[in-house]
């Protein structure tokens, strides 16, 4: 596996983590309502959930493809179509503001916040589809286990640190508008990256 392919896999996963969605919205809510300490536990749970989905895509799919190679072709086609569809949605809704934070969330323990982060990530059905599509296009079957372990570690770190940053940003009301104003630009950039990846997967 080349360094370029490794970095491409991680950067796409990091870009997905940074895209406003269920995990980012939950981090914003916890940041506004319960502060940095509880939000950090939530972010760690979100990172753990991402590692679960990524591990399923890395190991489960690779074993399955050994017995049914035609499924890899099907996944690439479905993954490419899904990524292009997601890119279209991101571009179309780029100028829509993020939802207002739900201030009804009650204070919770750090363990409860961690579990909430895991459940938030696992309840998103786009997780396994996204990771499967990215890895099918960038991770070769010959990649050694230590490389996959490093990738999973970077996915956890990226997810966790990004959501901690979101918690920190949204814990200050005066900075919330500034972040929200960047949503349109970020969604368009991420949408373009998804479209390029989708076309690459379809063509290979």
C-alpha atoms as a PDB file:
ATOM      1  CA  UNK A   1       0.000   0.000   0.000  1.00  0.00           C
ATOM      2  CA  UNK A   2       1.410   3.383  -0.971  1.00  0.00           C
ATOM      3  CA  UNK A   3       1.681   6.333   1.387  1.00  0.00           C
ATOM      4  CA  UNK A   4      -0.515   8.315  -1.000  1.00  0.00           C
ATOM      5  CA  UNK A   5      -3.338   5.763  -0.754  1.00  0.00           C
ATOM      6  CA  UNK A   6      -2.988   5.641   3.041  1.00  0.00           C
ATOM      7  CA  UNK A   7      -3.164   9.413   3.368  1.00  0.00           C
ATOM      8  CA  UNK A   8      -6.057   9.604   0.915  1.00  0.00           C
ATOM      9  CA  UNK A   9      -8.050   7.109   3.000  1.00  0.00           C
ATOM     10  CA  UNK A  10      -7.391   8.959   6.231  1.00  0.00           C
ATOM     11  CA  UNK A  11      -7.997  12.441   4.848  1.00  0.00           C
ATOM     12  CA  UNK A  12     -11.322  11.406   3.326  1.00  0.00           C
ATOM     13  CA  UNK A  13     -12.373   9.878   6.644  1.00  0.00           C
ATOM     14  CA  UNK A  14     -11.252  13.040   8.437  1.00  0.00           C
ATOM     15  CA  UNK A  15     -13.176  15.196   5.967  1.00  0.00           C
ATOM     16  CA  UNK A  16     -16.269  13.085   6.626  1.00  0.00           C
ATOM     17  CA  UNK A  17     -15.813  13.531  10.379  1.00  0.00           C
ATOM     18  CA  UNK A  18     -15.597  17.303   9.919  1.00  0.00           C
ATOM     19  CA  UNK A  19     -18.752  17.516   7.830  1.00  0.00           C
ATOM     20  CA  UNK A  20     -21.796  18.798   9.761  1.00  0.00           C
ATOM     21  CA  UNK A  21     -23.933  15.773  10.564  1.00  0.00           C
ATOM     22  CA  UNK A  22     -25.345  13.859  13.571  1.00  0.00           C
ATOM     23  CA  UNK A  23     -22.017  13.627  15.428  1.00  0.00           C
ATOM     24  CA  UNK A  24     -21.072  17.272  14.891  1.00  0.00           C
ATOM     25  CA  UNK A  25     -24.555  18.452  15.811  1.00  0.00           C
ATOM     26  CA  UNK A  26     -24.504  16.381  19.010  1.00  0.00           C
ATOM     27  CA  UNK A  27     -21.084  17.788  19.883  1.00  0.00           C
ATOM     28  CA  UNK A  28     -22.415  21.296  19.334  1.00  0.00           C
ATOM     29  CA  UNK A  29     -25.379  20.611  21.582  1.00  0.00           C
ATOM     30  CA  UNK A  30     -23.259  19.170  24.370  1.00  0.00           C
ATOM     31  CA  UNK A  31     -20.781  22.033  24.044  1.00  0.00           C
ATOM     32  CA  UNK A  32     -23.513  24.609  24.391  1.00  0.00           C
ATOM     33  CA  UNK A  33     -25.344  22.797  27.180  1.00  0.00           C
ATOM     34  CA  UNK A  34     -22.816  20.830  29.261  1.00  0.00           C
ATOM     35  CA  UNK A  35     -19.331  22.136  28.587  1.00  0.00           C
ATOM     36  CA  UNK A  36     -15.917  20.849  27.555  1.00  0.00           C
ATOM     37  CA  UNK A  37     -15.410  17.997  30.036  1.00  0.00           C
ATOM     38  CA  UNK A  38     -18.646  16.198  29.189  1.00  0.00           C
ATOM     39  CA  UNK A  39     -18.130  17.016  25.510  1.00  0.00           C
ATOM     40  CA  UNK A  40     -14.689  15.383  25.549  1.00  0.00           C
ATOM     41  CA  UNK A  41     -16.223  12.121  26.782  1.00  0.00           C
ATOM     42  CA  UNK A  42     -18.847  12.389  24.054  1.00  0.00           C
ATOM     43  CA  UNK A  43     -16.140  12.946  21.425  1.00  0.00           C
ATOM     44  CA  UNK A  44     -14.258   9.843  22.565  1.00  0.00           C
ATOM     45  CA  UNK A  45     -17.462   7.837  22.146  1.00  0.00           C
ATOM     46  CA  UNK A  46     -17.938   9.234  18.647  1.00  0.00           C
ATOM     47  CA  UNK A  47     -14.366   8.203  17.820  1.00  0.00           C
ATOM     48  CA  UNK A  48     -14.964   4.693  19.171  1.00  0.00           C
ATOM     49  CA  UNK A  49     -18.108   4.359  17.074  1.00  0.00           C
ATOM     50  CA  UNK A  50     -16.207   5.425  13.964  1.00  0.00           C
ATOM     51  CA  UNK A  51     -13.526   2.803  14.651  1.00  0.00           C
ATOM     52  CA  UNK A  52     -16.238   0.142  14.940  1.00  0.00           C
ATOM     53  CA  UNK A  53     -17.698   1.009  11.537  1.00  0.00           C
ATOM     54  CA  UNK A  54     -14.238   1.312   9.977  1.00  0.00           C
ATOM     55  CA  UNK A  55     -13.163  -2.056  11.424  1.00  0.00           C
ATOM     56  CA  UNK A  56     -16.281  -3.685  10.056  1.00  0.00           C
ATOM     57  CA  UNK A  57     -15.532  -2.272   6.630  1.00  0.00           C
ATOM     58  CA  UNK A  58     -11.834  -3.194   6.733  1.00  0.00           C
ATOM     59  CA  UNK A  59     -11.999  -6.742   8.049  1.00  0.00           C
ATOM     60  CA  UNK A  60     -15.530  -7.942   7.382  1.00  0.00           C
ATOM     61  CA  UNK A  61     -15.612  -6.799   3.779  1.00  0.00           C
ATOM     62  CA  UNK A  62     -12.143  -8.108   2.958  1.00  0.00           C
ATOM     63  CA  UNK A  63     -13.057 -11.589   4.191  1.00  0.00           C
ATOM     64  CA  UNK A  64     -16.357 -11.514   2.347  1.00  0.00           C
ATOM     65  CA  UNK A  65     -14.676 -10.433  -0.880  1.00  0.00           C
ATOM     66  CA  UNK A  66     -12.393 -13.484  -0.727  1.00  0.00           C
ATOM     67  CA  UNK A  67     -15.451 -15.723  -1.121  1.00  0.00           C
ATOM     68  CA  UNK A  68     -17.506 -13.488  -3.403  1.00  0.00           C
ATOM     69  CA  UNK A  69     -15.311 -11.165  -5.511  1.00  0.00           C
ATOM     70  CA  UNK A  70     -18.352  -9.989  -7.461  1.00  0.00           C
ATOM     71  CA  UNK A  71     -19.556  -8.241  -4.307  1.00  0.00           C
ATOM     72  CA  UNK A  72     -16.558  -5.909  -4.531  1.00  0.00           C
ATOM     73  CA  UNK A  73     -17.686  -4.777  -7.972  1.00  0.00           C
ATOM     74  CA  UNK A  74     -21.211  -4.270  -6.671  1.00  0.00           C
ATOM     75  CA  UNK A  75     -19.941  -2.302  -3.656  1.00  0.00           C
ATOM     76  CA  UNK A  76     -17.829  -0.062  -5.868  1.00  0.00           C
ATOM     77  CA  UNK A  77     -20.824   0.699  -8.066  1.00  0.00           C
ATOM     78  CA  UNK A  78     -23.146   1.345  -5.136  1.00  0.00           C
ATOM     79  CA  UNK A  79     -20.475   3.264  -3.267  1.00  0.00           C
ATOM     80  CA  UNK A  80     -19.720   5.484  -6.244  1.00  0.00           C
ATOM     81  CA  UNK A  81     -23.416   6.217  -6.773  1.00  0.00           C
ATOM     82  CA  UNK A  82     -23.918   6.942  -3.071  1.00  0.00           C
ATOM     83  CA  UNK A  83     -20.916   9.261  -2.846  1.00  0.00           C
ATOM     84  CA  UNK A  84     -22.037  11.222  -5.898  1.00  0.00           C
ATOM     85  CA  UNK A  85     -25.545  11.463  -4.449  1.00  0.00           C
ATOM     86  CA  UNK A  86     -24.154  12.653  -1.112  1.00  0.00           C
ATOM     87  CA  UNK A  87     -21.967  15.186  -2.928  1.00  0.00           C
ATOM     88  CA  UNK A  88     -25.053  16.507  -4.710  1.00  0.00           C
ATOM     89  CA  UNK A  89     -26.948  16.838  -1.425  1.00  0.00           C
ATOM     90  CA  UNK A  90     -24.021  18.577   0.276  1.00  0.00           C
ATOM     91  CA  UNK A  91     -23.712  21.065  -2.578  1.00  0.00           C
ATOM     92  CA  UNK A  92     -27.453  21.663  -2.837  1.00  0.00           C
ATOM     93  CA  UNK A  93     -27.930  22.300   0.887  1.00  0.00           C
ATOM     94  CA  UNK A  94     -24.614  24.074   1.505  1.00  0.00           C
ATOM     95  CA  UNK A  95     -26.263  27.411   2.215  1.00  0.00           C
ATOM     96  CA  UNK A  96     -28.803  26.036   4.687  1.00  0.00           C
ATOM     97  CA  UNK A  97     -27.948  26.955   8.283  1.00  0.00           C
ATOM     98  CA  UNK A  98     -27.219  24.349  10.914  1.00  0.00           C
ATOM     99  CA  UNK A  99     -30.088  23.527  13.243  1.00  0.00           C
ATOM    100  CA  UNK A 100     -30.199  25.384  16.490  1.00  0.00           C
ATOM    101  CA  UNK A 101     -28.812  23.523  19.461  1.00  0.00           C
ATOM    102  CA  UNK A 102     -31.290  21.689  21.669  1.00  0.00           C
ATOM    103  CA  UNK A 103     -30.936  23.246  25.099  1.00  0.00           C
ATOM    104  CA  UNK A 104     -33.205  20.638  26.694  1.00  0.00           C
ATOM    105  CA  UNK A 105     -30.367  18.107  27.013  1.00  0.00           C
ATOM    106  CA  UNK A 106     -29.846  17.283  30.694  1.00  0.00           C
ATOM    107  CA  UNK A 107     -26.511  17.113  32.453  1.00  0.00           C
ATOM    108  CA  UNK A 108     -25.032  13.613  32.365  1.00  0.00           C
ATOM    109  CA  UNK A 109     -22.037  11.645  33.636  1.00  0.00           C
ATOM    110  CA  UNK A 110     -18.894  11.209  31.576  1.00  0.00           C
ATOM    111  CA  UNK A 111     -19.747   7.535  30.976  1.00  0.00           C
ATOM    112  CA  UNK A 112     -23.236   8.462  29.851  1.00  0.00           C
ATOM    113  CA  UNK A 113     -21.756  11.047  27.491  1.00  0.00           C
ATOM    114  CA  UNK A 114     -19.342   8.450  26.075  1.00  0.00           C
ATOM    115  CA  UNK A 115     -22.198   6.013  25.444  1.00  0.00           C
ATOM    116  CA  UNK A 116     -24.196   8.793  23.827  1.00  0.00           C
ATOM    117  CA  UNK A 117     -21.279   9.441  21.471  1.00  0.00           C
ATOM    118  CA  UNK A 118     -21.038   5.761  20.515  1.00  0.00           C
ATOM    119  CA  UNK A 119     -24.779   5.480  19.926  1.00  0.00           C
ATOM    120  CA  UNK A 120     -24.828   8.696  17.920  1.00  0.00           C
ATOM    121  CA  UNK A 121     -22.167   7.297  15.592  1.00  0.00           C
ATOM    122  CA  UNK A 122     -23.647   3.799  15.353  1.00  0.00           C
ATOM    123  CA  UNK A 123     -27.152   5.104  14.658  1.00  0.00           C
ATOM    124  CA  UNK A 124     -25.924   6.827  11.487  1.00  0.00           C
ATOM    125  CA  UNK A 125     -26.515   4.307   8.641  1.00  0.00           C
ATOM    126  CA  UNK A 126     -24.140   6.240   6.381  1.00  0.00           C
ATOM    127  CA  UNK A 127     -21.129   5.110   8.422  1.00  0.00           C
ATOM    128  CA  UNK A 128     -20.577   1.575   7.066  1.00  0.00           C
ATOM    129  CA  UNK A 129     -21.527   2.644   3.541  1.00  0.00           C
ATOM    130  CA  UNK A 130     -19.056   5.526   3.540  1.00  0.00           C
ATOM    131  CA  UNK A 131     -16.147   3.578   5.039  1.00  0.00           C
ATOM    132  CA  UNK A 132     -16.814   0.628   2.756  1.00  0.00           C
ATOM    133  CA  UNK A 133     -16.826   2.852  -0.319  1.00  0.00           C
ATOM    134  CA  UNK A 134     -13.638   4.691   0.692  1.00  0.00           C
ATOM    135  CA  UNK A 135     -11.701   1.555   1.608  1.00  0.00           C
ATOM    136  CA  UNK A 136     -12.836  -0.335  -1.484  1.00  0.00           C
ATOM    137  CA  UNK A 137     -11.296   2.383  -3.624  1.00  0.00           C
ATOM    138  CA  UNK A 138      -8.089   3.016  -1.651  1.00  0.00           C
ATOM    139  CA  UNK A 139      -7.105   0.025   0.558  1.00  0.00           C
ATOM    140  CA  UNK A 140      -5.556  -2.988  -1.251  1.00  0.00           C
ATOM    141  CA  UNK A 141      -6.135  -6.516   0.003  1.00  0.00           C
ATOM    142  CA  UNK A 142      -2.381  -6.857   0.603  1.00  0.00           C
ATOM    143  CA  UNK A 143      -2.234  -4.042   3.180  1.00  0.00           C
ATOM    144  CA  UNK A 144      -0.528  -5.383   6.368  1.00  0.00           C
ATOM    145  CA  UNK A 145      -2.362  -5.417   9.679  1.00  0.00           C
ATOM    146  CA  UNK A 146      -0.088  -2.812  11.253  1.00  0.00           C
ATOM    147  CA  UNK A 147      -1.015  -0.365   8.505  1.00  0.00           C
ATOM    148  CA  UNK A 148      -4.716  -1.011   9.092  1.00  0.00           C
ATOM    149  CA  UNK A 149      -4.189  -0.566  12.843  1.00  0.00           C
ATOM    150  CA  UNK A 150      -2.465   2.770  12.226  1.00  0.00           C
ATOM    151  CA  UNK A 151      -5.339   3.850   9.992  1.00  0.00           C
ATOM    152  CA  UNK A 152      -7.898   2.933  12.670  1.00  0.00           C
ATOM    153  CA  UNK A 153      -5.867   4.820  15.265  1.00  0.00           C
ATOM    154  CA  UNK A 154      -5.778   7.911  13.077  1.00  0.00           C
ATOM    155  CA  UNK A 155      -9.520   7.636  12.421  1.00  0.00           C
ATOM    156  CA  UNK A 156     -10.196   7.523  16.170  1.00  0.00           C
ATOM    157  CA  UNK A 157      -7.826  10.429  16.820  1.00  0.00           C
ATOM    158  CA  UNK A 158      -9.249  12.557  14.025  1.00  0.00           C
ATOM    159  CA  UNK A 159     -12.876  11.932  14.975  1.00  0.00           C
ATOM    160  CA  UNK A 160     -12.223  12.562  18.658  1.00  0.00           C
ATOM    161  CA  UNK A 161     -10.089  15.695  18.306  1.00  0.00           C
ATOM    162  CA  UNK A 162     -12.389  17.263  15.727  1.00  0.00           C
ATOM    163  CA  UNK A 163     -15.455  16.774  17.904  1.00  0.00           C
ATOM    164  CA  UNK A 164     -13.595  18.099  20.936  1.00  0.00           C
ATOM    165  CA  UNK A 165     -12.845  21.188  18.838  1.00  0.00           C
ATOM    166  CA  UNK A 166     -16.542  21.478  17.958  1.00  0.00           C
ATOM    167  CA  UNK A 167     -17.473  21.192  21.635  1.00  0.00           C
ATOM    168  CA  UNK A 168     -14.966  23.908  22.485  1.00  0.00           C
ATOM    169  CA  UNK A 169     -16.149  26.214  19.708  1.00  0.00           C
ATOM    170  CA  UNK A 170     -19.805  25.837  20.587  1.00  0.00           C
ATOM    171  CA  UNK A 171     -19.172  26.281  24.290  1.00  0.00           C
ATOM    172  CA  UNK A 172     -18.667  29.972  23.425  1.00  0.00           C
ATOM    173  CA  UNK A 173     -21.830  31.550  22.063  1.00  0.00           C
ATOM    174  CA  UNK A 174     -19.974  34.403  20.386  1.00  0.00           C
ATOM    175  CA  UNK A 175     -17.996  32.006  18.154  1.00  0.00           C
ATOM    176  CA  UNK A 176     -20.985  29.947  17.028  1.00  0.00           C
ATOM    177  CA  UNK A 177     -22.041  32.353  14.295  1.00  0.00           C
ATOM    178  CA  UNK A 178     -18.527  32.467  12.886  1.00  0.00           C
ATOM    179  CA  UNK A 179     -18.376  28.687  12.533  1.00  0.00           C
ATOM    180  CA  UNK A 180     -21.870  28.491  11.082  1.00  0.00           C
ATOM    181  CA  UNK A 181     -20.910  31.021   8.410  1.00  0.00           C
ATOM    182  CA  UNK A 182     -18.246  28.585   7.123  1.00  0.00           C
ATOM    183  CA  UNK A 183     -20.735  25.771   6.587  1.00  0.00           C
ATOM    184  CA  UNK A 184     -21.487  26.678   2.965  1.00  0.00           C
ATOM    185  CA  UNK A 185     -17.831  26.734   1.908  1.00  0.00           C
ATOM    186  CA  UNK A 186     -16.980  23.544   3.773  1.00  0.00           C
ATOM    187  CA  UNK A 187     -19.960  21.604   2.409  1.00  0.00           C
ATOM    188  CA  UNK A 188     -19.062  22.549  -1.159  1.00  0.00           C
ATOM    189  CA  UNK A 189     -15.418  21.533  -0.708  1.00  0.00           C
ATOM    190  CA  UNK A 190     -16.388  18.220   0.862  1.00  0.00           C
ATOM    191  CA  UNK A 191     -19.069  17.637  -1.759  1.00  0.00           C
ATOM    192  CA  UNK A 192     -16.495  18.132  -4.513  1.00  0.00           C
ATOM    193  CA  UNK A 193     -14.102  15.674  -2.846  1.00  0.00           C
ATOM    194  CA  UNK A 194     -16.865  13.078  -2.565  1.00  0.00           C
ATOM    195  CA  UNK A 195     -17.807  13.483  -6.223  1.00  0.00           C
ATOM    196  CA  UNK A 196     -14.179  13.013  -7.316  1.00  0.00           C
ATOM    197  CA  UNK A 197     -13.843   9.893  -5.153  1.00  0.00           C
ATOM    198  CA  UNK A 198     -17.103   8.503  -6.514  1.00  0.00           C
ATOM    199  CA  UNK A 199     -15.939   8.937 -10.103  1.00  0.00           C
ATOM    200  CA  UNK A 200     -12.550   7.389  -9.238  1.00  0.00           C
ATOM    201  CA  UNK A 201     -14.169   4.326  -7.683  1.00  0.00           C
ATOM    202  CA  UNK A 202     -16.528   3.902 -10.624  1.00  0.00           C
ATOM    203  CA  UNK A 203     -13.647   4.126 -13.100  1.00  0.00           C
ATOM    204  CA  UNK A 204     -11.341   1.602 -11.399  1.00  0.00           C
END
